[in-house]
Amino acid sequence: MAIRDQGRSAGYAIGLWAATAVLLTLAVVVGRQALATAEPSTLAFPLAFAGGAVLASLADTLMPEAFERGRPLNAFATAAGFYVSFALAEM
């Protein structure tokens, strides 16, 4: 909605997100190949950095809008989402 509010078309917004998804997918594939044999201690910093980037993005962009326009259960849904992602990471 933020892209549309700036006067861009729906096609532009979808194309931008699609291009971003393709680039991120390529980055994951390349990173996985490059670090396939890396020790867990070597992976700790990049994974922590990526997790922090995701949290910063959510906190800066998505959460304020969700709490402004959203429903009362947004806080619960956010906490549940973090819990589920943590539980999945520990499996």
PDB file of N, CA and C in Angstrom:
ATOM      1  N   MET A   1       0.815  -1.192   0.000  1.00  0.00           N
ATOM      2  CA  MET A   1       0.000   0.000   0.000  1.00  0.00           C
ATOM      3  C   MET A   1       0.861   1.259   0.000  1.00  0.00           C
ATOM      4  N   ALA A   2       1.997   1.200   0.661  1.00  0.00           N
ATOM      5  CA  ALA A   2       2.858   2.382   0.705  1.00  0.00           C
ATOM      6  C   ALA A   2       3.341   2.756  -0.693  1.00  0.00           C
ATOM      7  N   ILE A   3       3.639   1.765  -1.517  1.00  0.00           N
ATOM      8  CA  ILE A   3       4.085   2.036  -2.890  1.00  0.00           C
ATOM      9  C   ILE A   3       2.940   2.642  -3.686  1.00  0.00           C
ATOM     10  N   ARG A   4       1.746   2.104  -3.510  1.00  0.00           N
ATOM     11  CA  ARG A   4       0.578   2.640  -4.219  1.00  0.00           C
ATOM     12  C   ARG A   4       0.257   4.057  -3.747  1.00  0.00           C
ATOM     13  N   ASP A   5       0.444   4.324  -2.448  1.00  0.00           N
ATOM     14  CA  ASP A   5       0.190   5.668  -1.912  1.00  0.00           C
ATOM     15  C   ASP A   5       1.131   6.709  -2.503  1.00  0.00           C
ATOM     16  N   GLN A   6       2.262   6.271  -3.030  1.00  0.00           N
ATOM     17  CA  GLN A   6       3.219   7.182  -3.647  1.00  0.00           C
ATOM     18  C   GLN A   6       2.950   7.388  -5.133  1.00  0.00           C
ATOM     19  N   GLY A   7       1.821   6.875  -5.602  1.00  0.00           N
ATOM     20  CA  GLY A   7       1.432   7.104  -6.983  1.00  0.00           C
ATOM     21  C   GLY A   7       1.889   6.041  -7.973  1.00  0.00           C
ATOM     22  N   ARG A   8       2.453   4.957  -7.499  1.00  0.00           N
ATOM     23  CA  ARG A   8       2.890   3.889  -8.395  1.00  0.00           C
ATOM     24  C   ARG A   8       1.734   2.931  -8.666  1.00  0.00           C
ATOM     25  N   SER A   9       1.827   2.209  -9.758  1.00  0.00           N
ATOM     26  CA  SER A   9       0.762   1.273 -10.136  1.00  0.00           C
ATOM     27  C   SER A   9       0.899  -0.039  -9.362  1.00  0.00           C
ATOM     28  N   ALA A  10      -0.174  -0.804  -9.387  1.00  0.00           N
ATOM     29  CA  ALA A  10      -0.148  -2.128  -8.745  1.00  0.00           C
ATOM     30  C   ALA A  10       0.866  -3.026  -9.454  1.00  0.00           C
ATOM     31  N   GLY A  11       0.950  -2.926 -10.769  1.00  0.00           N
ATOM     32  CA  GLY A  11       1.914  -3.717 -11.522  1.00  0.00           C
ATOM     33  C   GLY A  11       3.344  -3.407 -11.128  1.00  0.00           C
ATOM     34  N   TYR A  12       3.631  -2.130 -10.901  1.00  0.00           N
ATOM     35  CA  TYR A  12       4.968  -1.733 -10.467  1.00  0.00           C
ATOM     36  C   TYR A  12       5.288  -2.350  -9.111  1.00  0.00           C
ATOM     37  N   ALA A  13       4.333  -2.264  -8.188  1.00  0.00           N
ATOM     38  CA  ALA A  13       4.549  -2.804  -6.846  1.00  0.00           C
ATOM     39  C   ALA A  13       4.772  -4.310  -6.897  1.00  0.00           C
ATOM     40  N   ILE A  14       3.967  -5.011  -7.649  1.00  0.00           N
ATOM     41  CA  ILE A  14       4.115  -6.460  -7.759  1.00  0.00           C
ATOM     42  C   ILE A  14       5.433  -6.813  -8.441  1.00  0.00           C
ATOM     43  N   GLY A  15       5.785  -6.081  -9.498  1.00  0.00           N
ATOM     44  CA  GLY A  15       7.046  -6.319 -10.182  1.00  0.00           C
ATOM     45  C   GLY A  15       8.251  -6.076  -9.287  1.00  0.00           C
ATOM     46  N   LEU A  16       8.188  -5.028  -8.491  1.00  0.00           N
ATOM     47  CA  LEU A  16       9.278  -4.721  -7.565  1.00  0.00           C
ATOM     48  C   LEU A  16       9.448  -5.842  -6.546  1.00  0.00           C
ATOM     49  N   TRP A  17       8.342  -6.297  -5.965  1.00  0.00           N
ATOM     50  CA  TRP A  17       8.404  -7.388  -4.990  1.00  0.00           C
ATOM     51  C   TRP A  17       8.842  -8.691  -5.651  1.00  0.00           C
ATOM     52  N   ALA A  18       8.423  -8.943  -6.875  1.00  0.00           N
ATOM     53  CA  ALA A  18       8.845 -10.162  -7.581  1.00  0.00           C
ATOM     54  C   ALA A  18      10.349 -10.127  -7.849  1.00  0.00           C
ATOM     55  N   ALA A  19      10.853  -8.980  -8.288  1.00  0.00           N
ATOM     56  CA  ALA A  19      12.290  -8.848  -8.535  1.00  0.00           C
ATOM     57  C   ALA A  19      13.083  -9.029  -7.241  1.00  0.00           C
ATOM     58  N   THR A  20      12.578  -8.486  -6.162  1.00  0.00           N
ATOM     59  CA  THR A  20      13.220  -8.656  -4.861  1.00  0.00           C
ATOM     60  C   THR A  20      13.239 -10.123  -4.454  1.00  0.00           C
ATOM     61  N   ALA A  21      12.130 -10.820  -4.662  1.00  0.00           N
ATOM     62  CA  ALA A  21      12.055 -12.244  -4.320  1.00  0.00           C
ATOM     63  C   ALA A  21      13.051 -13.057  -5.135  1.00  0.00           C
ATOM     64  N   VAL A  22      13.186 -12.746  -6.413  1.00  0.00           N
ATOM     65  CA  VAL A  22      14.136 -13.465  -7.268  1.00  0.00           C
ATOM     66  C   VAL A  22      15.566 -13.226  -6.787  1.00  0.00           C
ATOM     67  N   LEU A  23      15.908 -11.965  -6.506  1.00  0.00           N
ATOM     68  CA  LEU A  23      17.263 -11.654  -6.041  1.00  0.00           C
ATOM     69  C   LEU A  23      17.568 -12.321  -4.707  1.00  0.00           C
ATOM     70  N   LEU A  24      16.603 -12.310  -3.796  1.00  0.00           N
ATOM     71  CA  LEU A  24      16.828 -12.958  -2.505  1.00  0.00           C
ATOM     72  C   LEU A  24      16.964 -14.466  -2.647  1.00  0.00           C
ATOM     73  N   THR A  25      16.201 -15.060  -3.534  1.00  0.00           N
ATOM     74  CA  THR A  25      16.309 -16.495  -3.775  1.00  0.00           C
ATOM     75  C   THR A  25      17.689 -16.842  -4.327  1.00  0.00           C
ATOM     76  N   LEU A  26      18.158 -16.055  -5.267  1.00  0.00           N
ATOM     77  CA  LEU A  26      19.507 -16.271  -5.808  1.00  0.00           C
ATOM     78  C   LEU A  26      20.570 -16.110  -4.727  1.00  0.00           C
ATOM     79  N   ALA A  27      20.406 -15.111  -3.861  1.00  0.00           N
ATOM     80  CA  ALA A  27      21.366 -14.898  -2.772  1.00  0.00           C
ATOM     81  C   ALA A  27      21.385 -16.090  -1.818  1.00  0.00           C
ATOM     82  N   VAL A  28      20.233 -16.670  -1.545  1.00  0.00           N
ATOM     83  CA  VAL A  28      20.169 -17.839  -0.669  1.00  0.00           C
ATOM     84  C   VAL A  28      20.876 -19.024  -1.318  1.00  0.00           C
ATOM     85  N   VAL A  29      20.627 -19.253  -2.594  1.00  0.00           N
ATOM     86  CA  VAL A  29      21.252 -20.383  -3.292  1.00  0.00           C
ATOM     87  C   VAL A  29      22.768 -20.211  -3.331  1.00  0.00           C
ATOM     88  N   VAL A  30      23.235 -19.031  -3.680  1.00  0.00           N
ATOM     89  CA  VAL A  30      24.677 -18.774  -3.746  1.00  0.00           C
ATOM     90  C   VAL A  30      25.299 -18.891  -2.355  1.00  0.00           C
ATOM     91  N   GLY A  31      24.646 -18.310  -1.359  1.00  0.00           N
ATOM     92  CA  GLY A  31      25.166 -18.383   0.004  1.00  0.00           C
ATOM     93  C   GLY A  31      25.210 -19.804   0.531  1.00  0.00           C
ATOM     94  N   ARG A  32      24.189 -20.580   0.220  1.00  0.00           N
ATOM     95  CA  ARG A  32      24.158 -21.977   0.662  1.00  0.00           C
ATOM     96  C   ARG A  32      25.300 -22.765   0.037  1.00  0.00           C
ATOM     97  N   GLN A  33      25.555 -22.541  -1.238  1.00  0.00           N
ATOM     98  CA  GLN A  33      26.657 -23.237  -1.903  1.00  0.00           C
ATOM     99  C   GLN A  33      28.015 -22.789  -1.350  1.00  0.00           C
ATOM    100  N   ALA A  34      28.147 -21.506  -1.116  1.00  0.00           N
ATOM    101  CA  ALA A  34      29.427 -20.974  -0.644  1.00  0.00           C
ATOM    102  C   ALA A  34      29.738 -21.428   0.783  1.00  0.00           C
ATOM    103  N   LEU A  35      28.712 -21.606   1.600  1.00  0.00           N
ATOM    104  CA  LEU A  35      28.933 -21.940   3.003  1.00  0.00           C
ATOM    105  C   LEU A  35      28.480 -23.357   3.358  1.00  0.00           C
ATOM    106  N   ALA A  36      28.376 -24.228   2.374  1.00  0.00           N
ATOM    107  CA  ALA A  36      27.875 -25.586   2.608  1.00  0.00           C
ATOM    108  C   ALA A  36      28.750 -26.366   3.588  1.00  0.00           C
ATOM    109  N   THR A  37      30.037 -26.136   3.574  1.00  0.00           N
ATOM    110  CA  THR A  37      30.935 -26.895   4.448  1.00  0.00           C
ATOM    111  C   THR A  37      31.430 -26.071   5.630  1.00  0.00           C
ATOM    112  N   ALA A  38      30.853 -24.918   5.861  1.00  0.00           N
ATOM    113  CA  ALA A  38      31.305 -24.040   6.941  1.00  0.00           C
ATOM    114  C   ALA A  38      30.912 -24.604   8.303  1.00  0.00           C
ATOM    115  N   GLU A  39      31.723 -24.299   9.271  1.00  0.00           N
ATOM    116  CA  GLU A  39      31.457 -24.695  10.654  1.00  0.00           C
ATOM    117  C   GLU A  39      30.299 -23.862  11.208  1.00  0.00           C
ATOM    118  N   PRO A  40      29.548 -24.414  12.166  1.00  0.00           N
ATOM    119  CA  PRO A  40      28.455 -23.652  12.773  1.00  0.00           C
ATOM    120  C   PRO A  40      28.902 -22.326  13.390  1.00  0.00           C
ATOM    121  N   SER A  41      30.110 -22.303  13.946  1.00  0.00           N
ATOM    122  CA  SER A  41      30.598 -21.047  14.531  1.00  0.00           C
ATOM    123  C   SER A  41      30.845 -19.990  13.458  1.00  0.00           C
ATOM    124  N   THR A  42      31.168 -20.423  12.241  1.00  0.00           N
ATOM    125  CA  THR A  42      31.348 -19.483  11.134  1.00  0.00           C
ATOM    126  C   THR A  42      30.009 -18.923  10.675  1.00  0.00           C
ATOM    127  N   LEU A  43      28.978 -19.736  10.751  1.00  0.00           N
ATOM    128  CA  LEU A  43      27.648 -19.317  10.309  1.00  0.00           C
ATOM    129  C   LEU A  43      26.930 -18.445  11.328  1.00  0.00           C
ATOM    130  N   ALA A  44      27.388 -18.447  12.571  1.00  0.00           N
ATOM    131  CA  ALA A  44      26.674 -17.739  13.628  1.00  0.00           C
ATOM    132  C   ALA A  44      26.523 -16.246  13.325  1.00  0.00           C
ATOM    133  N   PHE A  45      27.585 -15.589  12.907  1.00  0.00           N
ATOM    134  CA  PHE A  45      27.502 -14.145  12.659  1.00  0.00           C
ATOM    135  C   PHE A  45      26.586 -13.806  11.494  1.00  0.00           C
ATOM    136  N   PRO A  46      26.734 -14.438  10.312  1.00  0.00           N
ATOM    137  CA  PRO A  46      25.817 -14.086   9.217  1.00  0.00           C
ATOM    138  C   PRO A  46      24.351 -14.369   9.549  1.00  0.00           C
ATOM    139  N   LEU A  47      24.092 -15.457  10.265  1.00  0.00           N
ATOM    140  CA  LEU A  47      22.701 -15.769  10.635  1.00  0.00           C
ATOM    141  C   LEU A  47      22.155 -14.760  11.640  1.00  0.00           C
ATOM    142  N   ALA A  48      22.975 -14.369  12.597  1.00  0.00           N
ATOM    143  CA  ALA A  48      22.542 -13.358  13.568  1.00  0.00           C
ATOM    144  C   ALA A  48      22.301 -12.016  12.879  1.00  0.00           C
ATOM    145  N   PHE A  49      23.174 -11.672  11.952  1.00  0.00           N
ATOM    146  CA  PHE A  49      23.017 -10.419  11.208  1.00  0.00           C
ATOM    147  C   PHE A  49      21.734 -10.433  10.391  1.00  0.00           C
ATOM    148  N   ALA A  50      21.470 -11.547   9.712  1.00  0.00           N
ATOM    149  CA  ALA A  50      20.256 -11.666   8.897  1.00  0.00           C
ATOM    150  C   ALA A  50      19.007 -11.601   9.779  1.00  0.00           C
ATOM    151  N   GLY A  51      19.048 -12.286  10.912  1.00  0.00           N
ATOM    152  CA  GLY A  51      17.912 -12.231  11.831  1.00  0.00           C
ATOM    153  C   GLY A  51      17.670 -10.823  12.346  1.00  0.00           C
ATOM    154  N   GLY A  52      18.728 -10.120  12.673  1.00  0.00           N
ATOM    155  CA  GLY A  52      18.593  -8.734  13.122  1.00  0.00           C
ATOM    156  C   GLY A  52      18.045  -7.830  12.031  1.00  0.00           C
ATOM    157  N   ALA A  53      18.459  -8.067  10.795  1.00  0.00           N
ATOM    158  CA  ALA A  53      17.948  -7.268   9.676  1.00  0.00           C
ATOM    159  C   ALA A  53      16.456  -7.491   9.481  1.00  0.00           C
ATOM    160  N   VAL A  54      16.021  -8.739   9.619  1.00  0.00           N
ATOM    161  CA  VAL A  54      14.589  -9.032   9.491  1.00  0.00           C
ATOM    162  C   VAL A  54      13.812  -8.346  10.604  1.00  0.00           C
ATOM    163  N   LEU A  55      14.296  -8.453  11.836  1.00  0.00           N
ATOM    164  CA  LEU A  55      13.609  -7.803  12.960  1.00  0.00           C
ATOM    165  C   LEU A  55      13.569  -6.286  12.792  1.00  0.00           C
ATOM    166  N   ALA A  56      14.673  -5.697  12.345  1.00  0.00           N
ATOM    167  CA  ALA A  56      14.705  -4.250  12.138  1.00  0.00           C
ATOM    168  C   ALA A  56      13.713  -3.836  11.062  1.00  0.00           C
ATOM    169  N   SER A  57      13.646  -4.613   9.986  1.00  0.00           N
ATOM    170  CA  SER A  57      12.695  -4.317   8.916  1.00  0.00           C
ATOM    171  C   SER A  57      11.257  -4.401   9.412  1.00  0.00           C
ATOM    172  N   LEU A  58      10.964  -5.446  10.158  1.00  0.00           N
ATOM    173  CA  LEU A  58       9.609  -5.599  10.702  1.00  0.00           C
ATOM    174  C   LEU A  58       9.266  -4.453  11.645  1.00  0.00           C
ATOM    175  N   ALA A  59      10.190  -4.135  12.541  1.00  0.00           N
ATOM    176  CA  ALA A  59       9.923  -3.102  13.538  1.00  0.00           C
ATOM    177  C   ALA A  59       9.781  -1.721  12.904  1.00  0.00           C
ATOM    178  N   ASP A  60      10.527  -1.469  11.850  1.00  0.00           N
ATOM    179  CA  ASP A  60      10.518  -0.146  11.229  1.00  0.00           C
ATOM    180  C   ASP A  60       9.374   0.049  10.239  1.00  0.00           C
ATOM    181  N   THR A  61       9.034  -0.994   9.520  1.00  0.00           N
ATOM    182  CA  THR A  61       8.093  -0.853   8.412  1.00  0.00           C
ATOM    183  C   THR A  61       6.729  -1.464   8.689  1.00  0.00           C
ATOM    184  N   LEU A  62       6.708  -2.709   9.040  1.00  0.00           N
ATOM    185  CA  LEU A  62       5.437  -3.424   9.110  1.00  0.00           C
ATOM    186  C   LEU A  62       4.680  -3.235  10.423  1.00  0.00           C
ATOM    187  N   MET A  63       5.374  -3.311  11.535  1.00  0.00           N
ATOM    188  CA  MET A  63       4.679  -3.254  12.819  1.00  0.00           C
ATOM    189  C   MET A  63       3.946  -1.940  13.074  1.00  0.00           C
ATOM    190  N   PRO A  64       4.562  -0.791  12.812  1.00  0.00           N
ATOM    191  CA  PRO A  64       3.813   0.443  13.067  1.00  0.00           C
ATOM    192  C   PRO A  64       2.504   0.528  12.279  1.00  0.00           C
ATOM    193  N   GLU A  65       2.550   0.129  11.022  1.00  0.00           N
ATOM    194  CA  GLU A  65       1.340   0.160  10.203  1.00  0.00           C
ATOM    195  C   GLU A  65       0.327  -0.867  10.683  1.00  0.00           C
ATOM    196  N   ALA A  66       0.801  -2.038  11.074  1.00  0.00           N
ATOM    197  CA  ALA A  66      -0.105  -3.083  11.559  1.00  0.00           C
ATOM    198  C   ALA A  66      -0.805  -2.644  12.836  1.00  0.00           C
ATOM    199  N   PHE A  67      -0.094  -1.994  13.732  1.00  0.00           N
ATOM    200  CA  PHE A  67      -0.713  -1.563  14.978  1.00  0.00           C
ATOM    201  C   PHE A  67      -1.591  -0.329  14.777  1.00  0.00           C
ATOM    202  N   GLU A  68      -1.269   0.481  13.782  1.00  0.00           N
ATOM    203  CA  GLU A  68      -2.092   1.660  13.493  1.00  0.00           C
ATOM    204  C   GLU A  68      -3.412   1.278  12.838  1.00  0.00           C
ATOM    205  N   ARG A  69      -3.346   0.351  11.888  1.00  0.00           N
ATOM    206  CA  ARG A  69      -4.531  -0.010  11.116  1.00  0.00           C
ATOM    207  C   ARG A  69      -5.106  -1.373  11.497  1.00  0.00           C
ATOM    208  N   GLY A  70      -4.393  -2.091  12.328  1.00  0.00           N
ATOM    209  CA  GLY A  70      -4.755  -3.469  12.602  1.00  0.00           C
ATOM    210  C   GLY A  70      -5.757  -3.643  13.717  1.00  0.00           C
ATOM    211  N   ARG A  71      -5.865  -4.856  14.141  1.00  0.00           N
ATOM    212  CA  ARG A  71      -6.827  -5.253  15.160  1.00  0.00           C
ATOM    213  C   ARG A  71      -6.113  -5.474  16.484  1.00  0.00           C
ATOM    214  N   PRO A  72      -6.874  -5.623  17.553  1.00  0.00           N
ATOM    215  CA  PRO A  72      -6.270  -5.773  18.884  1.00  0.00           C
ATOM    216  C   PRO A  72      -5.382  -7.009  19.047  1.00  0.00           C
ATOM    217  N   LEU A  73      -5.579  -8.029  18.254  1.00  0.00           N
ATOM    218  CA  LEU A  73      -4.786  -9.245  18.415  1.00  0.00           C
ATOM    219  C   LEU A  73      -3.446  -9.199  17.696  1.00  0.00           C
ATOM    220  N   ASN A  74      -3.072  -8.054  17.147  1.00  0.00           N
ATOM    221  CA  ASN A  74      -1.800  -7.961  16.422  1.00  0.00           C
ATOM    222  C   ASN A  74      -0.605  -8.291  17.303  1.00  0.00           C
ATOM    223  N   ALA A  75      -0.616  -7.814  18.537  1.00  0.00           N
ATOM    224  CA  ALA A  75       0.507  -8.086  19.440  1.00  0.00           C
ATOM    225  C   ALA A  75       0.611  -9.581  19.712  1.00  0.00           C
ATOM    226  N   PHE A  76      -0.504 -10.234  19.956  1.00  0.00           N
ATOM    227  CA  PHE A  76      -0.492 -11.674  20.194  1.00  0.00           C
ATOM    228  C   PHE A  76      -0.012 -12.423  18.959  1.00  0.00           C
ATOM    229  N   ALA A  77      -0.493 -12.035  17.794  1.00  0.00           N
ATOM    230  CA  ALA A  77      -0.084 -12.698  16.556  1.00  0.00           C
ATOM    231  C   ALA A  77       1.411 -12.511  16.310  1.00  0.00           C
ATOM    232  N   THR A  78       1.935 -11.337  16.616  1.00  0.00           N
ATOM    233  CA  THR A  78       3.366 -11.080  16.450  1.00  0.00           C
ATOM    234  C   THR A  78       4.182 -11.975  17.374  1.00  0.00           C
ATOM    235  N   ALA A  79       3.796 -12.018  18.644  1.00  0.00           N
ATOM    236  CA  ALA A  79       4.510 -12.865  19.601  1.00  0.00           C
ATOM    237  C   ALA A  79       4.416 -14.338  19.205  1.00  0.00           C
ATOM    238  N   ALA A  80       3.256 -14.774  18.762  1.00  0.00           N
ATOM    239  CA  ALA A  80       3.084 -16.169  18.342  1.00  0.00           C
ATOM    240  C   ALA A  80       3.954 -16.468  17.128  1.00  0.00           C
ATOM    241  N   GLY A  81       4.056 -15.543  16.205  1.00  0.00           N
ATOM    242  CA  GLY A  81       4.898 -15.738  15.026  1.00  0.00           C
ATOM    243  C   GLY A  81       6.364 -15.881  15.389  1.00  0.00           C
ATOM    244  N   PHE A  82       6.841 -15.047  16.312  1.00  0.00           N
ATOM    245  CA  PHE A  82       8.232 -15.179  16.752  1.00  0.00           C
ATOM    246  C   PHE A  82       8.452 -16.510  17.463  1.00  0.00           C
ATOM    247  N   TYR A  83       7.493 -16.923  18.279  1.00  0.00           N
ATOM    248  CA  TYR A  83       7.621 -18.202  18.981  1.00  0.00           C
ATOM    249  C   TYR A  83       7.677 -19.365  17.992  1.00  0.00           C
ATOM    250  N   VAL A  84       6.790 -19.366  17.017  1.00  0.00           N
ATOM    251  CA  VAL A  84       6.768 -20.451  16.031  1.00  0.00           C
ATOM    252  C   VAL A  84       8.073 -20.489  15.240  1.00  0.00           C
ATOM    253  N   SER A  85       8.573 -19.326  14.841  1.00  0.00           N
ATOM    254  CA  SER A  85       9.833 -19.318  14.085  1.00  0.00           C
ATOM    255  C   SER A  85      10.984 -19.805  14.950  1.00  0.00           C
ATOM    256  N   PHE A  86      10.984 -19.456  16.227  1.00  0.00           N
ATOM    257  CA  PHE A  86      12.017 -19.945  17.137  1.00  0.00           C
ATOM    258  C   PHE A  86      11.920 -21.462  17.298  1.00  0.00           C
ATOM    259  N   ALA A  87      10.705 -21.955  17.492  1.00  0.00           N
ATOM    260  CA  ALA A  87      10.501 -23.399  17.660  1.00  0.00           C
ATOM    261  C   ALA A  87      10.933 -24.159  16.411  1.00  0.00           C
ATOM    262  N   LEU A  88      10.612 -23.626  15.237  1.00  0.00           N
ATOM    263  CA  LEU A  88      11.032 -24.287  13.998  1.00  0.00           C
ATOM    264  C   LEU A  88      12.547 -24.286  13.825  1.00  0.00           C
ATOM    265  N   ALA A  89      13.184 -23.220  14.275  1.00  0.00           N
ATOM    266  CA  ALA A  89      14.633 -23.138  14.161  1.00  0.00           C
ATOM    267  C   ALA A  89      15.330 -24.140  15.081  1.00  0.00           C
ATOM    268  N   GLU A  90      14.676 -24.506  16.173  1.00  0.00           N
ATOM    269  CA  GLU A  90      15.282 -25.428  17.131  1.00  0.00           C
ATOM    270  C   GLU A  90      15.046 -26.891  16.774  1.00  0.00           C
ATOM    271  N   MET A  91      14.256 -27.168  15.751  1.00  0.00           N
ATOM    272  CA  MET A  91      13.963 -28.561  15.380  1.00  0.00           C
ATOM    273  C   MET A  91      15.135 -29.193  14.691  1.00  0.00           C
TER     274      MET A  91
END
